[in-house]
C-alpha atoms as a PDB file:
ATOM      1  CA  UNK A   1      62.501   3.375  11.603  1.00  0.00           C
ATOM      2  CA  UNK A   2      64.328   1.598   8.869  1.00  0.00           C
ATOM      3  CA  UNK A   3      66.072  -0.638  11.388  1.00  0.00           C
ATOM      4  CA  UNK A   4      62.744  -2.262  12.410  1.00  0.00           C
ATOM      5  CA  UNK A   5      62.564  -4.038   9.081  1.00  0.00           C
ATOM      6  CA  UNK A   6      66.207  -4.952   9.136  1.00  0.00           C
ATOM      7  CA  UNK A   7      66.020  -6.899  12.393  1.00  0.00           C
ATOM      8  CA  UNK A   8      65.164 -10.531  12.059  1.00  0.00           C
ATOM      9  CA  UNK A   9      63.293 -12.421  14.707  1.00  0.00           C
ATOM     10  CA  UNK A  10      65.025 -15.038  16.743  1.00  0.00           C
ATOM     11  CA  UNK A  11      64.315 -18.718  16.053  1.00  0.00           C
ATOM     12  CA  UNK A  12      62.619 -18.968  19.451  1.00  0.00           C
ATOM     13  CA  UNK A  13      60.236 -16.147  18.626  1.00  0.00           C
ATOM     14  CA  UNK A  14      59.495 -17.672  15.236  1.00  0.00           C
ATOM     15  CA  UNK A  15      58.743 -21.080  16.785  1.00  0.00           C
ATOM     16  CA  UNK A  16      56.486 -19.533  19.405  1.00  0.00           C
ATOM     17  CA  UNK A  17      54.710 -17.522  16.741  1.00  0.00           C
ATOM     18  CA  UNK A  18      54.272 -20.665  14.599  1.00  0.00           C
ATOM     19  CA  UNK A  19      52.836 -22.611  17.574  1.00  0.00           C
ATOM     20  CA  UNK A  20      50.460 -19.744  18.286  1.00  0.00           C
ATOM     21  CA  UNK A  21      49.306 -19.722  14.660  1.00  0.00           C
ATOM     22  CA  UNK A  22      48.877 -23.506  14.656  1.00  0.00           C
ATOM     23  CA  UNK A  23      46.790 -23.435  17.848  1.00  0.00           C
ATOM     24  CA  UNK A  24      44.589 -20.684  16.456  1.00  0.00           C
ATOM     25  CA  UNK A  25      44.242 -22.514  13.160  1.00  0.00           C
ATOM     26  CA  UNK A  26      43.192 -25.739  14.918  1.00  0.00           C
ATOM     27  CA  UNK A  27      40.776 -23.861  17.179  1.00  0.00           C
ATOM     28  CA  UNK A  28      39.270 -22.172  14.127  1.00  0.00           C
ATOM     29  CA  UNK A  29      38.894 -25.507  12.354  1.00  0.00           C
ATOM     30  CA  UNK A  30      37.188 -27.043  15.414  1.00  0.00           C
ATOM     31  CA  UNK A  31      34.795 -24.119  15.697  1.00  0.00           C
ATOM     32  CA  UNK A  32      34.056 -24.263  11.977  1.00  0.00           C
ATOM     33  CA  UNK A  33      33.340 -28.005  12.200  1.00  0.00           C
ATOM     34  CA  UNK A  34      31.064 -27.386  15.195  1.00  0.00           C
ATOM     35  CA  UNK A  35      29.143 -24.682  13.339  1.00  0.00           C
ATOM     36  CA  UNK A  36      28.943 -26.822  10.219  1.00  0.00           C
ATOM     37  CA  UNK A  37      27.438 -29.640  12.314  1.00  0.00           C
ATOM     38  CA  UNK A  38      24.868 -27.263  13.775  1.00  0.00           C
ATOM     39  CA  UNK A  39      23.941 -26.055  10.289  1.00  0.00           C
ATOM     40  CA  UNK A  40      23.491 -29.646   9.084  1.00  0.00           C
ATOM     41  CA  UNK A  41      21.335 -30.489  12.121  1.00  0.00           C
ATOM     42  CA  UNK A  42      19.227 -27.403  11.513  1.00  0.00           C
ATOM     43  CA  UNK A  43      18.795 -28.323   7.846  1.00  0.00           C
ATOM     44  CA  UNK A  44      17.732 -31.864   8.800  1.00  0.00           C
ATOM     45  CA  UNK A  45      15.212 -30.558  11.329  1.00  0.00           C
ATOM     46  CA  UNK A  46      13.891 -28.120   8.750  1.00  0.00           C
ATOM     47  CA  UNK A  47      13.456 -30.902   6.190  1.00  0.00           C
ATOM     48  CA  UNK A  48      11.646 -33.036   8.796  1.00  0.00           C
ATOM     49  CA  UNK A  49       9.306 -30.164   9.610  1.00  0.00           C
ATOM     50  CA  UNK A  50       8.623 -29.493   5.927  1.00  0.00           C
ATOM     51  CA  UNK A  51       7.966 -33.203   5.379  1.00  0.00           C
ATOM     52  CA  UNK A  52       5.570 -33.273   8.330  1.00  0.00           C
ATOM     53  CA  UNK A  53       3.822 -30.189   7.020  1.00  0.00           C
ATOM     54  CA  UNK A  54       3.369 -31.793   3.592  1.00  0.00           C
ATOM     55  CA  UNK A  55       1.903 -34.945   5.141  1.00  0.00           C
ATOM     56  CA  UNK A  56      -0.332 -32.803   7.364  1.00  0.00           C
ATOM     57  CA  UNK A  57      -1.592 -30.946   4.295  1.00  0.00           C
ATOM     58  CA  UNK A  58      -2.379 -34.259   2.593  1.00  0.00           C
ATOM     59  CA  UNK A  59      -4.156 -35.535   5.731  1.00  0.00           C
ATOM     60  CA  UNK A  60      -6.105 -32.293   5.977  1.00  0.00           C
ATOM     61  CA  UNK A  61      -7.249 -32.612   2.372  1.00  0.00           C
ATOM     62  CA  UNK A  62      -8.356 -36.229   2.917  1.00  0.00           C
ATOM     63  CA  UNK A  63     -10.237 -35.274   6.079  1.00  0.00           C
ATOM     64  CA  UNK A  64     -11.948 -32.358   4.346  1.00  0.00           C
ATOM     65  CA  UNK A  65     -13.066 -34.701   1.553  1.00  0.00           C
ATOM     66  CA  UNK A  66     -14.345 -37.183   4.146  1.00  0.00           C
ATOM     67  CA  UNK A  67     -16.260 -34.423   5.944  1.00  0.00           C
ATOM     68  CA  UNK A  68     -17.873 -33.332   2.666  1.00  0.00           C
ATOM     69  CA  UNK A  69     -18.882 -36.930   1.943  1.00  0.00           C
ATOM     70  CA  UNK A  70     -20.359 -37.275   5.437  1.00  0.00           C
ATOM     71  CA  UNK A  71     -22.227 -33.982   5.062  1.00  0.00           C
ATOM     72  CA  UNK A  72     -23.736 -35.267   1.815  1.00  0.00           C
ATOM     73  CA  UNK A  73     -24.781 -38.509   3.505  1.00  0.00           C
ATOM     74  CA  UNK A  74     -26.303 -36.630   6.440  1.00  0.00           C
ATOM     75  CA  UNK A  75     -28.220 -34.381   4.052  1.00  0.00           C
ATOM     76  CA  UNK A  76     -29.589 -37.440   2.223  1.00  0.00           C
ATOM     77  CA  UNK A  77     -30.550 -39.124   5.500  1.00  0.00           C
ATOM     78  CA  UNK A  78     -32.151 -35.940   6.773  1.00  0.00           C
ATOM     79  CA  UNK A  79     -34.186 -35.654   3.593  1.00  0.00           C
ATOM     80  CA  UNK A  80     -35.211 -39.316   3.845  1.00  0.00           C
ATOM     81  CA  UNK A  81     -36.231 -39.031   7.498  1.00  0.00           C
ATOM     82  CA  UNK A  82     -37.708 -35.561   7.666  1.00  0.00           C
ATOM     83  CA  UNK A  83     -38.906 -35.140   4.089  1.00  0.00           C
ATOM     84  CA  UNK A  84     -38.412 -31.990   2.109  1.00  0.00           C
ATOM     85  CA  UNK A  85     -38.202 -29.781   5.151  1.00  0.00           C
ATOM     86  CA  UNK A  86     -41.908 -29.073   5.509  1.00  0.00           C
ATOM     87  CA  UNK A  87     -43.084 -28.780   9.092  1.00  0.00           C
ATOM     88  CA  UNK A  88     -45.592 -31.282  10.341  1.00  0.00           C
ATOM     89  CA  UNK A  89     -49.068 -29.998  11.077  1.00  0.00           C
ATOM     90  CA  UNK A  90     -51.056 -31.687  13.797  1.00  0.00           C
ATOM     91  CA  UNK A  91     -54.613 -32.369  12.658  1.00  0.00           C
ATOM     92  CA  UNK A  92     -55.748 -33.457  16.126  1.00  0.00           C
ATOM     93  CA  UNK A  93     -56.103 -29.843  17.242  1.00  0.00           C
ATOM     94  CA  UNK A  94     -58.575 -28.977  14.504  1.00  0.00           C
ATOM     95  CA  UNK A  95     -62.194 -29.064  15.651  1.00  0.00           C
ATOM     96  CA  UNK A  96     -63.770 -29.576  12.240  1.00  0.00           C
ATOM     97  CA  UNK A  97     -62.401 -33.104  11.769  1.00  0.00           C
ATOM     98  CA  UNK A  98     -64.665 -35.940  12.820  1.00  0.00           C
ATOM     99  CA  UNK A  99     -63.050 -38.381  15.253  1.00  0.00           C
ATOM    100  CA  UNK A 100     -64.144 -41.299  13.084  1.00  0.00           C
ATOM    101  CA  UNK A 101     -62.025 -40.036  10.197  1.00  0.00           C
ATOM    102  CA  UNK A 102     -58.760 -39.847  12.142  1.00  0.00           C
ATOM    103  CA  UNK A 103     -56.034 -42.250  11.094  1.00  0.00           C
ATOM    104  CA  UNK A 104     -55.663 -45.412  13.091  1.00  0.00           C
ATOM    105  CA  UNK A 105     -52.357 -46.678  14.430  1.00  0.00           C
ATOM    106  CA  UNK A 106     -50.455 -48.952  12.095  1.00  0.00           C
ATOM    107  CA  UNK A 107     -48.660 -52.024  13.354  1.00  0.00           C
ATOM    108  CA  UNK A 108     -45.566 -53.340  11.659  1.00  0.00           C
ATOM    109  CA  UNK A 109     -46.482 -56.864  12.737  1.00  0.00           C
ATOM    110  CA  UNK A 110     -48.802 -57.681   9.831  1.00  0.00           C
ATOM    111  CA  UNK A 111     -51.015 -60.240  11.569  1.00  0.00           C
ATOM    112  CA  UNK A 112     -51.591 -58.310  14.806  1.00  0.00           C
ATOM    113  CA  UNK A 113     -53.451 -55.394  13.238  1.00  0.00           C
ATOM    114  CA  UNK A 114     -56.281 -57.681  12.020  1.00  0.00           C
ATOM    115  CA  UNK A 115     -57.220 -59.005  15.462  1.00  0.00           C
END
């Protein structure tokens, strides 16, 4: 067994071994560069997605504020048009009201209602 360590490799074997190591080293460097590029691309895509998400959150907040403002306007318009929410009661169906006391139609054209 001691003679295994005593033998030296031939120059041809050493050169072949060195070429083999060099090829493997270069292949490893190429693969590492490829993986590093993929990691950078993934990081860029992630940052783009996070940026889009932040802008979407800001847009969502603006739209929610706009919806609240519109709801307030609709509530004001509803109150102006329909009053305080009381239901209208038709007085025409009541028998105890004299026909002479019923309200007459009102014209917006101010001169036409006098004729």
